[in-house]
PDB file of all heavy atoms in Angstrom:
ATOM      1  N   ARG A   1      47.154  11.768  16.958  1.00  0.00           N
ATOM      2  CA  ARG A   1      45.862  11.307  16.434  1.00  0.00           C
ATOM      3  C   ARG A   1      45.648   9.832  16.721  1.00  0.00           C
ATOM      4  O   ARG A   1      44.525   9.372  16.905  1.00  0.00           O
ATOM      5  CB  ARG A   1      45.813  11.564  14.929  1.00  0.00           C
ATOM      6  CG  ARG A   1      44.479  11.191  14.281  1.00  0.00           C
ATOM      7  CD  ARG A   1      44.361  11.797  12.895  1.00  0.00           C
ATOM      8  NE  ARG A   1      45.399  11.297  11.991  1.00  0.00           N
ATOM      9  CZ  ARG A   1      45.253  10.184  11.258  1.00  0.00           C
ATOM     10  NH1 ARG A   1      44.147   9.471  11.358  1.00  0.00           N
ATOM     11  NH2 ARG A   1      46.210   9.800  10.446  1.00  0.00           N
ATOM     12  N   HIS A   2      46.735   9.073  16.808  1.00  0.00           N
ATOM     13  CA  HIS A   2      46.613   7.632  17.037  1.00  0.00           C
ATOM     14  C   HIS A   2      46.713   7.262  18.517  1.00  0.00           C
ATOM     15  O   HIS A   2      46.055   6.326  18.964  1.00  0.00           O
ATOM     16  CB  HIS A   2      47.677   6.889  16.238  1.00  0.00           C
ATOM     17  CG  HIS A   2      47.465   6.968  14.757  1.00  0.00           C
ATOM     18  ND1 HIS A   2      46.449   6.303  14.111  1.00  0.00           N
ATOM     19  CD2 HIS A   2      48.121   7.653  13.786  1.00  0.00           C
ATOM     20  CE1 HIS A   2      46.487   6.568  12.824  1.00  0.00           C
ATOM     21  NE2 HIS A   2      47.491   7.383  12.596  1.00  0.00           N
ATOM     22  N   SER A   3      47.554   7.968  19.293  1.00  0.00           N
ATOM     23  CA  SER A   3      47.716   7.613  20.699  1.00  0.00           C
ATOM     24  C   SER A   3      46.581   8.150  21.570  1.00  0.00           C
ATOM     25  O   SER A   3      46.240   7.554  22.582  1.00  0.00           O
ATOM     26  CB  SER A   3      49.062   8.108  21.238  1.00  0.00           C
ATOM     27  OG  SER A   3      49.141   9.520  21.168  1.00  0.00           O
ATOM     28  N   ALA A   4      45.964   9.263  21.170  1.00  0.00           N
ATOM     29  CA  ALA A   4      44.867   9.816  21.968  1.00  0.00           C
ATOM     30  C   ALA A   4      43.712   8.825  22.135  1.00  0.00           C
ATOM     31  O   ALA A   4      43.192   8.670  23.259  1.00  0.00           O
ATOM     32  CB  ALA A   4      44.372  11.131  21.352  1.00  0.00           C
ATOM     33  N   PRO A   5      43.281   8.106  21.078  1.00  0.00           N
ATOM     34  CA  PRO A   5      42.218   7.116  21.288  1.00  0.00           C
ATOM     35  C   PRO A   5      42.617   6.002  22.247  1.00  0.00           C
ATOM     36  O   PRO A   5      41.772   5.448  22.952  1.00  0.00           O
ATOM     37  CB  PRO A   5      41.970   6.558  19.873  1.00  0.00           C
ATOM     38  CG  PRO A   5      42.418   7.646  18.961  1.00  0.00           C
ATOM     39  CD  PRO A   5      43.589   8.277  19.641  1.00  0.00           C
ATOM     40  N   LEU A   6      43.899   5.655  22.275  1.00  0.00           N
ATOM     41  CA  LEU A   6      44.381   4.626  23.201  1.00  0.00           C
ATOM     42  C   LEU A   6      44.137   5.081  24.645  1.00  0.00           C
ATOM     43  O   LEU A   6      43.584   4.351  25.465  1.00  0.00           O
ATOM     44  CB  LEU A   6      45.867   4.390  22.934  1.00  0.00           C
ATOM     45  CG  LEU A   6      46.634   3.288  23.660  1.00  0.00           C
ATOM     46  CD1 LEU A   6      47.871   2.931  22.842  1.00  0.00           C
ATOM     47  CD2 LEU A   6      47.051   3.721  25.057  1.00  0.00           C
ATOM     48  N   LEU A   7      44.544   6.324  24.961  1.00  0.00           N
ATOM     49  CA  LEU A   7      44.345   6.854  26.310  1.00  0.00           C
ATOM     50  C   LEU A   7      42.860   7.048  26.604  1.00  0.00           C
ATOM     51  O   LEU A   7      42.391   6.816  27.725  1.00  0.00           O
ATOM     52  CB  LEU A   7      45.094   8.177  26.457  1.00  0.00           C
ATOM     53  CG  LEU A   7      46.617   8.093  26.403  1.00  0.00           C
ATOM     54  CD1 LEU A   7      47.226   9.485  26.366  1.00  0.00           C
ATOM     55  CD2 LEU A   7      47.166   7.308  27.583  1.00  0.00           C
ATOM     56  N   ARG A   8      42.111   7.462  25.580  1.00  0.00           N
ATOM     57  CA  ARG A   8      40.668   7.659  25.784  1.00  0.00           C
ATOM     58  C   ARG A   8      39.992   6.344  26.113  1.00  0.00           C
ATOM     59  O   ARG A   8      39.095   6.283  26.959  1.00  0.00           O
ATOM     60  CB  ARG A   8      40.060   8.290  24.525  1.00  0.00           C
ATOM     61  CG  ARG A   8      38.660   8.857  24.766  1.00  0.00           C
ATOM     62  CD  ARG A   8      38.178   9.663  23.567  1.00  0.00           C
ATOM     63  NE  ARG A   8      39.075  10.794  23.338  1.00  0.00           N
ATOM     64  CZ  ARG A   8      39.703  11.015  22.180  1.00  0.00           C
ATOM     65  NH1 ARG A   8      39.557  10.188  21.165  1.00  0.00           N
ATOM     66  NH2 ARG A   8      40.484  12.070  22.039  1.00  0.00           N
ATOM     67  N   ARG A   9      40.420   5.290  25.438  1.00  0.00           N
ATOM     68  CA  ARG A   9      39.822   3.983  25.719  1.00  0.00           C
ATOM     69  C   ARG A   9      40.105   3.557  27.158  1.00  0.00           C
ATOM     70  O   ARG A   9      39.221   3.069  27.864  1.00  0.00           O
ATOM     71  CB  ARG A   9      40.373   2.943  24.743  1.00  0.00           C
ATOM     72  CG  ARG A   9      39.791   1.563  24.979  1.00  0.00           C
ATOM     73  CD  ARG A   9      40.447   0.511  24.120  1.00  0.00           C
ATOM     74  NE  ARG A   9      39.998  -0.816  24.516  1.00  0.00           N
ATOM     75  CZ  ARG A   9      40.643  -1.933  24.253  1.00  0.00           C
ATOM     76  NH1 ARG A   9      41.777  -1.895  23.564  1.00  0.00           N
ATOM     77  NH2 ARG A   9      40.181  -3.100  24.665  1.00  0.00           N
ATOM     78  N   LEU A  10      41.337   3.764  27.611  1.00  0.00           N
ATOM     79  CA  LEU A  10      41.670   3.435  28.989  1.00  0.00           C
ATOM     80  C   LEU A  10      40.804   4.236  29.960  1.00  0.00           C
ATOM     81  O   LEU A  10      40.324   3.713  30.965  1.00  0.00           O
ATOM     82  CB  LEU A  10      43.149   3.714  29.257  1.00  0.00           C
ATOM     83  CG  LEU A  10      44.166   2.753  28.649  1.00  0.00           C
ATOM     84  CD1 LEU A  10      45.586   3.282  28.847  1.00  0.00           C
ATOM     85  CD2 LEU A  10      44.040   1.355  29.248  1.00  0.00           C
ATOM     86  N   GLY A  11      40.609   5.527  29.657  1.00  0.00           N
ATOM     87  CA  GLY A  11      39.788   6.374  30.526  1.00  0.00           C
ATOM     88  C   GLY A  11      38.356   5.911  30.595  1.00  0.00           C
ATOM     89  O   GLY A  11      37.744   5.870  31.676  1.00  0.00           O
ATOM     90  N   GLU A  12      37.779   5.557  29.437  1.00  0.00           N
ATOM     91  CA  GLU A  12      36.400   5.083  29.405  1.00  0.00           C
ATOM     92  C   GLU A  12      36.249   3.767  30.161  1.00  0.00           C
ATOM     93  O   GLU A  12      35.272   3.557  30.888  1.00  0.00           O
ATOM     94  CB  GLU A  12      35.926   4.928  27.958  1.00  0.00           C
ATOM     95  CG  GLU A  12      35.697   6.239  27.223  1.00  0.00           C
ATOM     96  CD  GLU A  12      34.507   7.023  27.760  1.00  0.00           C
ATOM     97  OE1 GLU A  12      33.611   6.425  28.379  1.00  0.00           O
ATOM     98  OE2 GLU A  12      34.495   8.255  27.574  1.00  0.00           O
ATOM     99  N   GLU A  13      37.201   2.869  29.962  1.00  0.00           N
ATOM    100  CA  GLU A  13      37.136   1.570  30.639  1.00  0.00           C
ATOM    101  C   GLU A  13      37.214   1.741  32.155  1.00  0.00           C
ATOM    102  O   GLU A  13      36.464   1.120  32.909  1.00  0.00           O
ATOM    103  CB  GLU A  13      38.282   0.678  30.153  1.00  0.00           C
ATOM    104  CG  GLU A  13      38.177   0.246  28.701  1.00  0.00           C
ATOM    105  CD  GLU A  13      37.368  -1.018  28.511  1.00  0.00           C
ATOM    106  OE1 GLU A  13      36.928  -1.608  29.516  1.00  0.00           O
ATOM    107  OE2 GLU A  13      37.169  -1.414  27.347  1.00  0.00           O
ATOM    108  N   LEU A  14      38.133   2.593  32.621  1.00  0.00           N
ATOM    109  CA  LEU A  14      38.260   2.804  34.062  1.00  0.00           C
ATOM    110  C   LEU A  14      37.024   3.508  34.607  1.00  0.00           C
ATOM    111  O   LEU A  14      36.538   3.170  35.702  1.00  0.00           O
ATOM    112  CB  LEU A  14      39.513   3.633  34.356  1.00  0.00           C
ATOM    113  CG  LEU A  14      39.835   3.860  35.845  1.00  0.00           C
ATOM    114  CD1 LEU A  14      39.922   2.535  36.599  1.00  0.00           C
ATOM    115  CD2 LEU A  14      41.133   4.649  35.992  1.00  0.00           C
ATOM    116  N   GLY A  15      36.478   4.473  33.849  1.00  0.00           N
ATOM    117  CA  GLY A  15      35.243   5.134  34.284  1.00  0.00           C
ATOM    118  C   GLY A  15      34.103   4.144  34.442  1.00  0.00           C
ATOM    119  O   GLY A  15      33.306   4.250  35.382  1.00  0.00           O
ATOM    120  N   GLN A  16      34.020   3.168  33.541  1.00  0.00           N
ATOM    121  CA  GLN A  16      32.972   2.156  33.633  1.00  0.00           C
ATOM    122  C   GLN A  16      33.136   1.296  34.874  1.00  0.00           C
ATOM    123  O   GLN A  16      32.165   0.965  35.563  1.00  0.00           O
ATOM    124  CB  GLN A  16      32.985   1.264  32.377  1.00  0.00           C
ATOM    125  CG  GLN A  16      31.814   0.310  32.278  1.00  0.00           C
ATOM    126  CD  GLN A  16      30.468   1.009  32.265  1.00  0.00           C
ATOM    127  OE1 GLN A  16      30.317   2.071  31.650  1.00  0.00           O
ATOM    128  NE2 GLN A  16      29.493   0.440  32.951  1.00  0.00           N
ATOM    129  N   VAL A  17      34.377   0.944  35.177  1.00  0.00           N
ATOM    130  CA  VAL A  17      34.641   0.180  36.406  1.00  0.00           C
ATOM    131  C   VAL A  17      34.186   0.962  37.634  1.00  0.00           C
ATOM    132  O   VAL A  17      33.550   0.427  38.543  1.00  0.00           O
ATOM    133  CB  VAL A  17      36.142  -0.158  36.513  1.00  0.00           C
ATOM    134  CG1 VAL A  17      36.483  -0.683  37.902  1.00  0.00           C
ATOM    135  CG2 VAL A  17      36.536  -1.170  35.458  1.00  0.00           C
ATOM    136  N   ILE A  18      34.507   2.249  37.652  1.00  0.00           N
ATOM    137  CA  ILE A  18      34.167   3.083  38.812  1.00  0.00           C
ATOM    138  C   ILE A  18      32.659   3.209  38.976  1.00  0.00           C
ATOM    139  O   ILE A  18      32.118   3.055  40.082  1.00  0.00           O
ATOM    140  CB  ILE A  18      34.832   4.468  38.695  1.00  0.00           C
ATOM    141  CG1 ILE A  18      36.348   4.334  38.800  1.00  0.00           C
ATOM    142  CG2 ILE A  18      34.317   5.405  39.786  1.00  0.00           C
ATOM    143  CD1 ILE A  18      37.116   5.602  38.470  1.00  0.00           C
ATOM    144  N   VAL A  19      31.935   3.486  37.864  1.00  0.00           N
ATOM    145  CA  VAL A  19      30.491   3.674  37.969  1.00  0.00           C
ATOM    146  C   VAL A  19      29.793   2.398  38.430  1.00  0.00           C
ATOM    147  O   VAL A  19      28.761   2.443  39.107  1.00  0.00           O
ATOM    148  CB  VAL A  19      29.896   4.181  36.635  1.00  0.00           C
ATOM    149  CG1 VAL A  19      29.769   3.063  35.609  1.00  0.00           C
ATOM    150  CG2 VAL A  19      28.549   4.860  36.857  1.00  0.00           C
ATOM    151  N   GLU A  20      30.362   1.245  38.074  1.00  0.00           N
ATOM    152  CA  GLU A  20      29.763  -0.030  38.476  1.00  0.00           C
ATOM    153  C   GLU A  20      30.040  -0.367  39.935  1.00  0.00           C
ATOM    154  O   GLU A  20      29.287  -1.123  40.548  1.00  0.00           O
ATOM    155  CB  GLU A  20      30.301  -1.160  37.593  1.00  0.00           C
ATOM    156  CG  GLU A  20      29.807  -1.121  36.147  1.00  0.00           C
ATOM    157  CD  GLU A  20      30.517  -2.132  35.275  1.00  0.00           C
ATOM    158  OE1 GLU A  20      31.465  -2.799  35.772  1.00  0.00           O
ATOM    159  OE2 GLU A  20      30.135  -2.256  34.095  1.00  0.00           O
ATOM    160  N   ARG A  21      31.093   0.197  40.518  1.00  0.00           N
ATOM    161  CA  ARG A  21      31.542  -0.264  41.815  1.00  0.00           C
ATOM    162  C   ARG A  21      31.486   0.769  42.931  1.00  0.00           C
ATOM    163  O   ARG A  21      31.538   0.407  44.104  1.00  0.00           O
ATOM    164  CB  ARG A  21      32.983  -0.778  41.703  1.00  0.00           C
ATOM    165  CG  ARG A  21      33.117  -1.984  40.793  1.00  0.00           C
ATOM    166  CD  ARG A  21      34.532  -2.151  40.287  1.00  0.00           C
ATOM    167  NE  ARG A  21      34.590  -3.189  39.265  1.00  0.00           N
ATOM    168  CZ  ARG A  21      35.003  -4.426  39.498  1.00  0.00           C
ATOM    169  NH1 ARG A  21      35.412  -4.768  40.684  1.00  0.00           N
ATOM    170  NH2 ARG A  21      35.005  -5.312  38.522  1.00  0.00           N
ATOM    171  N   VAL A  22      31.434   2.048  42.559  1.00  0.00           N
ATOM    172  CA  VAL A  22      31.493   3.094  43.580  1.00  0.00           C
ATOM    173  C   VAL A  22      30.224   3.923  43.533  1.00  0.00           C
ATOM    174  O   VAL A  22      29.779   4.346  42.458  1.00  0.00           O
ATOM    175  CB  VAL A  22      32.724   4.010  43.359  1.00  0.00           C
ATOM    176  CG1 VAL A  22      32.808   5.062  44.460  1.00  0.00           C
ATOM    177  CG2 VAL A  22      34.003   3.178  43.340  1.00  0.00           C
ATOM    178  N   ASP A  23      29.620   4.134  44.687  1.00  0.00           N
ATOM    179  CA  ASP A  23      28.406   4.942  44.787  1.00  0.00           C
ATOM    180  C   ASP A  23      28.803   6.414  44.899  1.00  0.00           C
ATOM    181  O   ASP A  23      29.227   6.875  45.960  1.00  0.00           O
ATOM    182  CB  ASP A  23      27.601   4.501  46.012  1.00  0.00           C
ATOM    183  CG  ASP A  23      26.266   5.227  46.101  1.00  0.00           C
ATOM    184  OD1 ASP A  23      26.002   6.084  45.235  1.00  0.00           O
ATOM    185  OD2 ASP A  23      25.509   4.934  47.040  1.00  0.00           O
ATOM    186  N   LEU A  24      28.638   7.138  43.806  1.00  0.00           N
ATOM    187  CA  LEU A  24      29.028   8.545  43.777  1.00  0.00           C
ATOM    188  C   LEU A  24      27.819   9.470  43.756  1.00  0.00           C
ATOM    189  O   LEU A  24      27.940  10.656  43.434  1.00  0.00           O
ATOM    190  CB  LEU A  24      29.909   8.819  42.540  1.00  0.00           C
ATOM    191  CG  LEU A  24      31.261   8.103  42.532  1.00  0.00           C
ATOM    192  CD1 LEU A  24      31.972   8.338  41.195  1.00  0.00           C
ATOM    193  CD2 LEU A  24      32.123   8.564  43.684  1.00  0.00           C
ATOM    194  N   GLY A  25      26.652   8.937  44.094  1.00  0.00           N
ATOM    195  CA  GLY A  25      25.481   9.786  44.192  1.00  0.00           C
ATOM    196  C   GLY A  25      24.758   9.951  42.867  1.00  0.00           C
ATOM    197  O   GLY A  25      25.019   9.241  41.886  1.00  0.00           O
ATOM    198  N   PRO A  26      23.828  10.929  42.806  1.00  0.00           N
ATOM    199  CA  PRO A  26      22.964  11.073  41.634  1.00  0.00           C
ATOM    200  C   PRO A  26      23.703  11.381  40.330  1.00  0.00           C
ATOM    201  O   PRO A  26      23.236  11.030  39.256  1.00  0.00           O
ATOM    202  CB  PRO A  26      22.019  12.226  42.009  1.00  0.00           C
ATOM    203  CG  PRO A  26      22.638  12.891  43.196  1.00  0.00           C
ATOM    204  CD  PRO A  26      23.486  11.882  43.871  1.00  0.00           C
ATOM    205  N   ASP A  27      24.829  12.054  40.400  1.00  0.00           N
ATOM    206  CA  ASP A  27      25.610  12.341  39.190  1.00  0.00           C
ATOM    207  C   ASP A  27      26.779  11.369  39.044  1.00  0.00           C
ATOM    208  O   ASP A  27      27.809  11.696  38.448  1.00  0.00           O
ATOM    209  CB  ASP A  27      26.148  13.777  39.230  1.00  0.00           C
ATOM    210  CG  ASP A  27      25.042  14.812  39.197  1.00  0.00           C
ATOM    211  OD1 ASP A  27      24.022  14.532  38.529  1.00  0.00           O
ATOM    212  OD2 ASP A  27      25.172  15.863  39.836  1.00  0.00           O
ATOM    213  N   GLY A  28      26.596  10.162  39.581  1.00  0.00           N
ATOM    214  CA  GLY A  28      27.690   9.213  39.663  1.00  0.00           C
ATOM    215  C   GLY A  28      28.287   8.817  38.325  1.00  0.00           C
ATOM    216  O   GLY A  28      29.499   8.666  38.205  1.00  0.00           O
ATOM    217  N   GLU A  29      27.433   8.673  37.288  1.00  0.00           N
ATOM    218  CA  GLU A  29      27.969   8.218  35.994  1.00  0.00           C
ATOM    219  C   GLU A  29      28.908   9.259  35.393  1.00  0.00           C
ATOM    220  O   GLU A  29      29.995   8.936  34.916  1.00  0.00           O
ATOM    221  CB  GLU A  29      26.833   7.913  35.027  1.00  0.00           C
ATOM    222  CG  GLU A  29      27.319   7.327  33.710  1.00  0.00           C
ATOM    223  CD  GLU A  29      26.198   6.790  32.848  1.00  0.00           C
ATOM    224  OE1 GLU A  29      25.045   6.726  33.338  1.00  0.00           O
ATOM    225  OE2 GLU A  29      26.464   6.434  31.690  1.00  0.00           O
ATOM    226  N   GLN A  30      28.478  10.524  35.442  1.00  0.00           N
ATOM    227  CA  GLN A  30      29.335  11.578  34.904  1.00  0.00           C
ATOM    228  C   GLN A  30      30.601  11.724  35.740  1.00  0.00           C
ATOM    229  O   GLN A  30      31.705  11.873  35.195  1.00  0.00           O
ATOM    230  CB  GLN A  30      28.578  12.907  34.879  1.00  0.00           C
ATOM    231  CG  GLN A  30      29.389  14.036  34.228  1.00  0.00           C
ATOM    232  CD  GLN A  30      28.626  15.339  34.198  1.00  0.00           C
ATOM    233  OE1 GLN A  30      28.347  15.922  35.243  1.00  0.00           O
ATOM    234  NE2 GLN A  30      28.277  15.787  32.993  1.00  0.00           N
ATOM    235  N   MET A  31      30.454  11.673  37.061  1.00  0.00           N
ATOM    236  CA  MET A  31      31.619  11.772  37.948  1.00  0.00           C
ATOM    237  C   MET A  31      32.606  10.632  37.691  1.00  0.00           C
ATOM    238  O   MET A  31      33.823  10.846  37.663  1.00  0.00           O
ATOM    239  CB  MET A  31      31.181  11.756  39.409  1.00  0.00           C
ATOM    240  CG  MET A  31      32.334  11.878  40.414  1.00  0.00           C
ATOM    241  SD  MET A  31      33.113  13.494  40.347  1.00  0.00           S
ATOM    242  CE  MET A  31      31.846  14.481  41.171  1.00  0.00           C
ATOM    243  N   ALA A  32      32.089   9.422  37.479  1.00  0.00           N
ATOM    244  CA  ALA A  32      32.962   8.271  37.236  1.00  0.00           C
ATOM    245  C   ALA A  32      33.772   8.457  35.956  1.00  0.00           C
ATOM    246  O   ALA A  32      34.951   8.107  35.895  1.00  0.00           O
ATOM    247  CB  ALA A  32      32.132   6.992  37.165  1.00  0.00           C
ATOM    248  N   ARG A  33      33.136   8.998  34.915  1.00  0.00           N
ATOM    249  CA  ARG A  33      33.862   9.239  33.667  1.00  0.00           C
ATOM    250  C   ARG A  33      34.941  10.311  33.866  1.00  0.00           C
ATOM    251  O   ARG A  33      36.050  10.189  33.341  1.00  0.00           O
ATOM    252  CB  ARG A  33      32.899   9.666  32.557  1.00  0.00           C
ATOM    253  CG  ARG A  33      31.958   8.556  32.113  1.00  0.00           C
ATOM    254  CD  ARG A  33      31.160   8.986  30.898  1.00  0.00           C
ATOM    255  NE  ARG A  33      31.996   8.984  29.695  1.00  0.00           N
ATOM    256  CZ  ARG A  33      31.634   9.586  28.572  1.00  0.00           C
ATOM    257  NH1 ARG A  33      30.486  10.238  28.492  1.00  0.00           N
ATOM    258  NH2 ARG A  33      32.415   9.538  27.520  1.00  0.00           N
ATOM    259  N   ILE A  34      34.615  11.343  34.608  1.00  0.00           N
ATOM    260  CA  ILE A  34      35.609  12.376  34.918  1.00  0.00           C
ATOM    261  C   ILE A  34      36.792  11.753  35.652  1.00  0.00           C
ATOM    262  O   ILE A  34      37.954  11.991  35.297  1.00  0.00           O
ATOM    263  CB  ILE A  34      34.984  13.509  35.763  1.00  0.00           C
ATOM    264  CG1 ILE A  34      33.971  14.302  34.939  1.00  0.00           C
ATOM    265  CG2 ILE A  34      36.073  14.438  36.307  1.00  0.00           C
ATOM    266  CD1 ILE A  34      33.123  15.270  35.751  1.00  0.00           C
ATOM    267  N   TRP A  35      36.488  10.950  36.653  1.00  0.00           N
ATOM    268  CA  TRP A  35      37.556  10.292  37.418  1.00  0.00           C
ATOM    269  C   TRP A  35      38.366   9.351  36.531  1.00  0.00           C
ATOM    270  O   TRP A  35      39.582   9.316  36.604  1.00  0.00           O
ATOM    271  CB  TRP A  35      36.951   9.511  38.581  1.00  0.00           C
ATOM    272  CG  TRP A  35      36.568  10.353  39.742  1.00  0.00           C
ATOM    273  CD1 TRP A  35      36.409  11.708  39.767  1.00  0.00           C
ATOM    274  CD2 TRP A  35      36.274   9.897  41.060  1.00  0.00           C
ATOM    275  NE1 TRP A  35      36.027  12.116  41.016  1.00  0.00           N
ATOM    276  CE2 TRP A  35      35.937  11.024  41.831  1.00  0.00           C
ATOM    277  CE3 TRP A  35      36.239   8.640  41.654  1.00  0.00           C
ATOM    278  CZ2 TRP A  35      35.581  10.939  43.172  1.00  0.00           C
ATOM    279  CZ3 TRP A  35      35.884   8.544  42.990  1.00  0.00           C
ATOM    280  CH2 TRP A  35      35.566   9.683  43.757  1.00  0.00           C
ATOM    281  N   GLY A  36      37.674   8.564  35.698  1.00  0.00           N
ATOM    282  CA  GLY A  36      38.376   7.600  34.852  1.00  0.00           C
ATOM    283  C   GLY A  36      39.396   8.277  33.959  1.00  0.00           C
ATOM    284  O   GLY A  36      40.560   7.877  33.900  1.00  0.00           O
ATOM    285  N   HIS A  37      38.956   9.325  33.264  1.00  0.00           N
ATOM    286  CA  HIS A  37      39.875  10.022  32.362  1.00  0.00           C
ATOM    287  C   HIS A  37      40.947  10.792  33.143  1.00  0.00           C
ATOM    288  O   HIS A  37      42.095  10.856  32.711  1.00  0.00           O
ATOM    289  CB  HIS A  37      39.098  10.965  31.437  1.00  0.00           C
ATOM    290  CG  HIS A  37      38.313  10.241  30.391  1.00  0.00           C
ATOM    291  ND1 HIS A  37      38.913   9.683  29.280  1.00  0.00           N
ATOM    292  CD2 HIS A  37      36.990   9.958  30.299  1.00  0.00           C
ATOM    293  CE1 HIS A  37      37.975   9.105  28.547  1.00  0.00           C
ATOM    294  NE2 HIS A  37      36.813   9.247  29.129  1.00  0.00           N
ATOM    295  N   GLY A  38      40.551  11.349  34.289  1.00  0.00           N
ATOM    296  CA  GLY A  38      41.529  12.075  35.107  1.00  0.00           C
ATOM    297  C   GLY A  38      42.616  11.160  35.653  1.00  0.00           C
ATOM    298  O   GLY A  38      43.805  11.505  35.635  1.00  0.00           O
ATOM    299  N   ILE A  39      42.229   9.977  36.115  1.00  0.00           N
ATOM    300  CA  ILE A  39      43.202   9.032  36.659  1.00  0.00           C
ATOM    301  C   ILE A  39      44.150   8.536  35.572  1.00  0.00           C
ATOM    302  O   ILE A  39      45.366   8.446  35.764  1.00  0.00           O
ATOM    303  CB  ILE A  39      42.479   7.847  37.349  1.00  0.00           C
ATOM    304  CG1 ILE A  39      41.783   8.330  38.621  1.00  0.00           C
ATOM    305  CG2 ILE A  39      43.472   6.731  37.689  1.00  0.00           C
ATOM    306  CD1 ILE A  39      40.826   7.320  39.227  1.00  0.00           C
ATOM    307  N   VAL A  40      43.591   8.228  34.388  1.00  0.00           N
ATOM    308  CA  VAL A  40      44.434   7.776  33.276  1.00  0.00           C
ATOM    309  C   VAL A  40      45.396   8.887  32.863  1.00  0.00           C
ATOM    310  O   VAL A  40      46.587   8.644  32.612  1.00  0.00           O
ATOM    311  CB  VAL A  40      43.572   7.310  32.088  1.00  0.00           C
ATOM    312  CG1 VAL A  40      44.415   7.162  30.820  1.00  0.00           C
ATOM    313  CG2 VAL A  40      42.913   5.980  32.417  1.00  0.00           C
ATOM    314  N   GLY A  41      44.898  10.120  32.787  1.00  0.00           N
ATOM    315  CA  GLY A  41      45.772  11.237  32.436  1.00  0.00           C
ATOM    316  C   GLY A  41      46.884  11.406  33.446  1.00  0.00           C
ATOM    317  O   GLY A  41      48.046  11.648  33.071  1.00  0.00           O
ATOM    318  N   MET A  42      46.556  11.263  34.726  1.00  0.00           N
ATOM    319  CA  MET A  42      47.563  11.373  35.776  1.00  0.00           C
ATOM    320  C   MET A  42      48.588  10.246  35.664  1.00  0.00           C
ATOM    321  O   MET A  42      49.798  10.494  35.730  1.00  0.00           O
ATOM    322  CB  MET A  42      46.881  11.323  37.148  1.00  0.00           C
ATOM    323  CG  MET A  42      47.837  11.450  38.325  1.00  0.00           C
ATOM    324  SD  MET A  42      47.028  11.071  39.904  1.00  0.00           S
ATOM    325  CE  MET A  42      46.876   9.286  39.778  1.00  0.00           C
ATOM    326  N   MET A  43      48.112   9.015  35.480  1.00  0.00           N
ATOM    327  CA  MET A  43      49.039   7.886  35.367  1.00  0.00           C
ATOM    328  C   MET A  43      49.949   8.057  34.164  1.00  0.00           C
ATOM    329  O   MET A  43      51.159   7.787  34.249  1.00  0.00           O
ATOM    330  CB  MET A  43      48.259   6.562  35.240  1.00  0.00           C
ATOM    331  CG  MET A  43      47.604   6.099  36.511  1.00  0.00           C
ATOM    332  SD  MET A  43      47.042   4.362  36.430  1.00  0.00           S
ATOM    333  CE  MET A  43      45.976   4.350  34.987  1.00  0.00           C
ATOM    334  N   HIS A  44      49.370   8.501  33.043  1.00  0.00           N
ATOM    335  CA  HIS A  44      50.169   8.656  31.831  1.00  0.00           C
ATOM    336  C   HIS A  44      51.230   9.741  31.999  1.00  0.00           C
ATOM    337  O   HIS A  44      52.409   9.520  31.708  1.00  0.00           O
ATOM    338  CB  HIS A  44      49.260   8.988  30.653  1.00  0.00           C
ATOM    339  CG  HIS A  44      50.000   9.396  29.419  1.00  0.00           C
ATOM    340  ND1 HIS A  44      50.905   8.562  28.790  1.00  0.00           N
ATOM    341  CD2 HIS A  44      50.004  10.549  28.719  1.00  0.00           C
ATOM    342  CE1 HIS A  44      51.420   9.193  27.747  1.00  0.00           C
ATOM    343  NE2 HIS A  44      50.901  10.403  27.681  1.00  0.00           N
ATOM    344  N   ALA A  45      50.819  10.918  32.486  1.00  0.00           N
ATOM    345  CA  ALA A  45      51.763  12.027  32.617  1.00  0.00           C
ATOM    346  C   ALA A  45      52.844  11.715  33.651  1.00  0.00           C
ATOM    347  O   ALA A  45      54.041  11.925  33.407  1.00  0.00           O
ATOM    348  CB  ALA A  45      51.012  13.306  32.998  1.00  0.00           C
ATOM    349  N   ALA A  46      52.416  11.197  34.808  1.00  0.00           N
ATOM    350  CA  ALA A  46      53.391  10.888  35.854  1.00  0.00           C
ATOM    351  C   ALA A  46      54.296   9.739  35.425  1.00  0.00           C
ATOM    352  O   ALA A  46      55.514   9.759  35.680  1.00  0.00           O
ATOM    353  CB  ALA A  46      52.667  10.538  37.154  1.00  0.00           C
ATOM    354  N   GLY A  47      53.728   8.738  34.778  1.00  0.00           N
ATOM    355  CA  GLY A  47      54.526   7.593  34.323  1.00  0.00           C
ATOM    356  C   GLY A  47      55.518   7.989  33.250  1.00  0.00           C
ATOM    357  O   GLY A  47      56.661   7.503  33.237  1.00  0.00           O
ATOM    358  N   ASP A  48      55.111   8.872  32.346  1.00  0.00           N
ATOM    359  CA  ASP A  48      55.999   9.336  31.290  1.00  0.00           C
ATOM    360  C   ASP A  48      57.211  10.060  31.885  1.00  0.00           C
ATOM    361  O   ASP A  48      58.359   9.818  31.491  1.00  0.00           O
ATOM    362  CB  ASP A  48      55.219  10.271  30.362  1.00  0.00           C
ATOM    363  CG  ASP A  48      55.877  10.455  29.014  1.00  0.00           C
ATOM    364  OD1 ASP A  48      55.835   9.526  28.213  1.00  0.00           O
ATOM    365  OD2 ASP A  48      56.440  11.538  28.770  1.00  0.00           O
TER     366      ASP A  48
END
């Protein structure tokens, strides 16, 4: 319950970076959030 918000915050922050910097087309904002959370999940699981 406490660590999930930590990872979620990282995912949201990375998604915001992506949407600001990468042109992903008309659905770019949603795609960026998907990527942000997916990348954080990958880093966390692989790093663990």
